Amino acid sequence: YDIWEKRGYLSLCSGNKINYNDVYNWFVEMKRKYNFKMYRIGYDPYSAQYLVDQLTKYFGKSALDEVRQGVKTLSLPLQQLKAEFQNHNIVYDSPIMTWCLCNL
């Protein structure tokens, strides 16, 4: 992670656990710095109410989508994602994406 951070591929949270202020600040920075239009921000509702409240205040409720982590909610989207990769419809150039896909 340290190498990826130094190369600008990711941002680390302060401390040894997820810091929701850091996550919120990252979204705000991306919006301000790059003028990103946040179509949807997916979140797992478990222990995320503070983050959801902050993101809702800044981006609006319509920008957030609850995504529960589990077989019932992720099986179909992952099958669809696999099909998109097989059809070469997804292009990426990121060592983090490569690492995540290899773990998938």
C-alpha atoms as a PDB file:
ATOM      1  CA  TYR A   1       0.000   0.000   0.000  1.00  0.00           C
ATOM      2  CA  ASP A   2       2.823   2.403   0.811  1.00  0.00           C
ATOM      3  CA  ILE A   3       4.270   2.066  -2.703  1.00  0.00           C
ATOM      4  CA  TRP A   4       0.867   2.599  -4.323  1.00  0.00           C
ATOM      5  CA  GLU A   5       0.322   5.654  -2.129  1.00  0.00           C
ATOM      6  CA  LYS A   6       3.710   7.123  -3.136  1.00  0.00           C
ATOM      7  CA  ARG A   7       2.824   6.587  -6.799  1.00  0.00           C
ATOM      8  CA  GLY A   8      -0.516   8.344  -6.307  1.00  0.00           C
ATOM      9  CA  TYR A   9      -2.733   5.308  -6.888  1.00  0.00           C
ATOM     10  CA  LEU A  10      -4.473   5.472  -3.511  1.00  0.00           C
ATOM     11  CA  SER A  11      -4.895   7.457  -0.341  1.00  0.00           C
ATOM     12  CA  LEU A  12      -4.421   5.913   3.081  1.00  0.00           C
ATOM     13  CA  CYS A  13      -6.539   6.600   6.128  1.00  0.00           C
ATOM     14  CA  SER A  14      -4.814   7.986   9.175  1.00  0.00           C
ATOM     15  CA  GLY A  15      -4.483   5.474  11.993  1.00  0.00           C
ATOM     16  CA  ASN A  16      -4.914   1.707  11.899  1.00  0.00           C
ATOM     17  CA  LYS A  17      -8.617   1.520  10.989  1.00  0.00           C
ATOM     18  CA  ILE A  18     -10.959   3.120   8.484  1.00  0.00           C
ATOM     19  CA  ASN A  19     -11.295   6.793   9.271  1.00  0.00           C
ATOM     20  CA  TYR A  20     -14.609   7.933   7.792  1.00  0.00           C
ATOM     21  CA  ASN A  21     -13.497  11.577   7.845  1.00  0.00           C
ATOM     22  CA  ASP A  22     -10.623  10.614   5.542  1.00  0.00           C
ATOM     23  CA  VAL A  23     -13.024   8.786   3.217  1.00  0.00           C
ATOM     24  CA  TYR A  24     -15.412  11.757   3.151  1.00  0.00           C
ATOM     25  CA  ASN A  25     -12.549  14.194   2.560  1.00  0.00           C
ATOM     26  CA  TRP A  26     -11.292  12.075  -0.360  1.00  0.00           C
ATOM     27  CA  PHE A  27     -14.667  12.311  -2.121  1.00  0.00           C
ATOM     28  CA  VAL A  28     -14.825  16.061  -1.525  1.00  0.00           C
ATOM     29  CA  GLU A  29     -11.250  16.490  -2.795  1.00  0.00           C
ATOM     30  CA  MET A  30     -12.006  14.528  -5.981  1.00  0.00           C
ATOM     31  CA  LYS A  31     -15.044  16.731  -6.584  1.00  0.00           C
ATOM     32  CA  ARG A  32     -13.144  19.974  -5.983  1.00  0.00           C
ATOM     33  CA  LYS A  33      -9.835  19.049  -7.606  1.00  0.00           C
ATOM     34  CA  TYR A  34     -11.122  17.236 -10.706  1.00  0.00           C
ATOM     35  CA  ASN A  35     -14.745  18.429 -10.809  1.00  0.00           C
ATOM     36  CA  PHE A  36     -15.914  14.811 -10.714  1.00  0.00           C
ATOM     37  CA  LYS A  37     -19.624  14.330 -11.104  1.00  0.00           C
ATOM     38  CA  MET A  38     -20.536  11.717  -8.527  1.00  0.00           C
ATOM     39  CA  TYR A  39     -23.193   9.672 -10.275  1.00  0.00           C
ATOM     40  CA  ARG A  40     -23.437   7.101  -7.490  1.00  0.00           C
ATOM     41  CA  ILE A  41     -21.419   6.389  -4.370  1.00  0.00           C
ATOM     42  CA  GLY A  42     -21.953   2.817  -3.228  1.00  0.00           C
ATOM     43  CA  TYR A  43     -21.630   1.996   0.446  1.00  0.00           C
ATOM     44  CA  ASP A  44     -22.166  -0.950   2.749  1.00  0.00           C
ATOM     45  CA  PRO A  45     -24.532   0.283   5.472  1.00  0.00           C
ATOM     46  CA  TYR A  46     -22.762  -1.635   8.232  1.00  0.00           C
ATOM     47  CA  SER A  47     -21.236   0.939  10.581  1.00  0.00           C
ATOM     48  CA  ALA A  48     -21.351   3.666   7.930  1.00  0.00           C
ATOM     49  CA  GLN A  49     -24.099   6.001   9.146  1.00  0.00           C
ATOM     50  CA  TYR A  50     -21.719   8.885   9.931  1.00  0.00           C
ATOM     51  CA  LEU A  51     -20.160   8.669   6.460  1.00  0.00           C
ATOM     52  CA  VAL A  52     -23.574   8.377   4.803  1.00  0.00           C
ATOM     53  CA  ASP A  53     -24.809  11.463   6.679  1.00  0.00           C
ATOM     54  CA  GLN A  54     -21.762  13.507   5.651  1.00  0.00           C
ATOM     55  CA  LEU A  55     -21.865  12.398   2.007  1.00  0.00           C
ATOM     56  CA  THR A  56     -25.617  13.069   1.843  1.00  0.00           C
ATOM     57  CA  LYS A  57     -25.111  16.634   3.103  1.00  0.00           C
ATOM     58  CA  TYR A  58     -22.468  17.324   0.456  1.00  0.00           C
ATOM     59  CA  PHE A  59     -23.612  15.299  -2.578  1.00  0.00           C
ATOM     60  CA  GLY A  60     -27.320  14.797  -1.912  1.00  0.00           C
ATOM     61  CA  LYS A  61     -29.261  11.649  -1.122  1.00  0.00           C
ATOM     62  CA  SER A  62     -29.659  10.671  -4.790  1.00  0.00           C
ATOM     63  CA  ALA A  63     -25.868  10.254  -5.108  1.00  0.00           C
ATOM     64  CA  LEU A  64     -25.765   7.360  -2.620  1.00  0.00           C
ATOM     65  CA  ASP A  65     -26.599   3.700  -3.180  1.00  0.00           C
ATOM     66  CA  GLU A  66     -26.723   1.108  -0.431  1.00  0.00           C
ATOM     67  CA  VAL A  67     -24.767  -1.992  -1.468  1.00  0.00           C
ATOM     68  CA  ARG A  68     -24.961  -4.800   1.049  1.00  0.00           C
ATOM     69  CA  GLN A  69     -21.994  -7.145   0.903  1.00  0.00           C
ATOM     70  CA  GLY A  70     -23.143 -10.711   0.352  1.00  0.00           C
ATOM     71  CA  VAL A  71     -23.931 -13.493  -2.098  1.00  0.00           C
ATOM     72  CA  LYS A  72     -27.492 -12.290  -2.726  1.00  0.00           C
ATOM     73  CA  THR A  73     -26.406  -8.790  -3.675  1.00  0.00           C
ATOM     74  CA  LEU A  74     -23.064  -9.350  -5.385  1.00  0.00           C
ATOM     75  CA  SER A  75     -23.407 -12.569  -7.404  1.00  0.00           C
ATOM     76  CA  LEU A  76     -25.322 -11.125 -10.351  1.00  0.00           C
ATOM     77  CA  PRO A  77     -23.267  -7.912 -10.609  1.00  0.00           C
ATOM     78  CA  LEU A  78     -20.034  -9.938 -10.553  1.00  0.00           C
ATOM     79  CA  GLN A  79     -21.359 -12.230 -13.286  1.00  0.00           C
ATOM     80  CA  GLN A  80     -22.200  -9.151 -15.344  1.00  0.00           C
ATOM     81  CA  LEU A  81     -18.759  -7.681 -14.661  1.00  0.00           C
ATOM     82  CA  LYS A  82     -17.125 -10.921 -15.804  1.00  0.00           C
ATOM     83  CA  ALA A  83     -19.088 -10.754 -19.064  1.00  0.00           C
ATOM     84  CA  GLU A  84     -17.969  -7.162 -19.625  1.00  0.00           C
ATOM     85  CA  PHE A  85     -14.327  -8.183 -19.173  1.00  0.00           C
ATOM     86  CA  GLN A  86     -14.758 -11.154 -21.508  1.00  0.00           C
ATOM     87  CA  ASN A  87     -16.240  -8.820 -24.138  1.00  0.00           C
ATOM     88  CA  HIS A  88     -13.296  -6.407 -23.661  1.00  0.00           C
ATOM     89  CA  ASN A  89     -15.682  -3.591 -22.712  1.00  0.00           C
ATOM     90  CA  ILE A  90     -13.625  -2.531 -19.698  1.00  0.00           C
ATOM     91  CA  VAL A  91     -10.252  -0.876 -20.090  1.00  0.00           C
ATOM     92  CA  TYR A  92      -8.061  -0.133 -17.103  1.00  0.00           C
ATOM     93  CA  ASP A  93      -4.441   0.649 -16.339  1.00  0.00           C
ATOM     94  CA  SER A  94      -4.026   0.281 -12.616  1.00  0.00           C
ATOM     95  CA  PRO A  95      -1.896  -2.100 -10.573  1.00  0.00           C
ATOM     96  CA  ILE A  96      -4.548  -1.957  -7.844  1.00  0.00           C
ATOM     97  CA  MET A  97      -7.279  -3.068 -10.243  1.00  0.00           C
ATOM     98  CA  THR A  98      -5.045  -5.895 -11.479  1.00  0.00           C
ATOM     99  CA  TRP A  99      -4.371  -6.999  -7.899  1.00  0.00           C
ATOM    100  CA  CYS A 100      -8.093  -6.864  -6.999  1.00  0.00           C
ATOM    101  CA  LEU A 101      -9.081  -8.848 -10.080  1.00  0.00           C
ATOM    102  CA  CYS A 102      -6.454 -11.493  -9.358  1.00  0.00           C
ATOM    103  CA  ASN A 103      -7.910 -11.851  -5.859  1.00  0.00           C
ATOM    104  CA  LEU A 104     -11.440 -12.049  -7.228  1.00  0.00           C
END
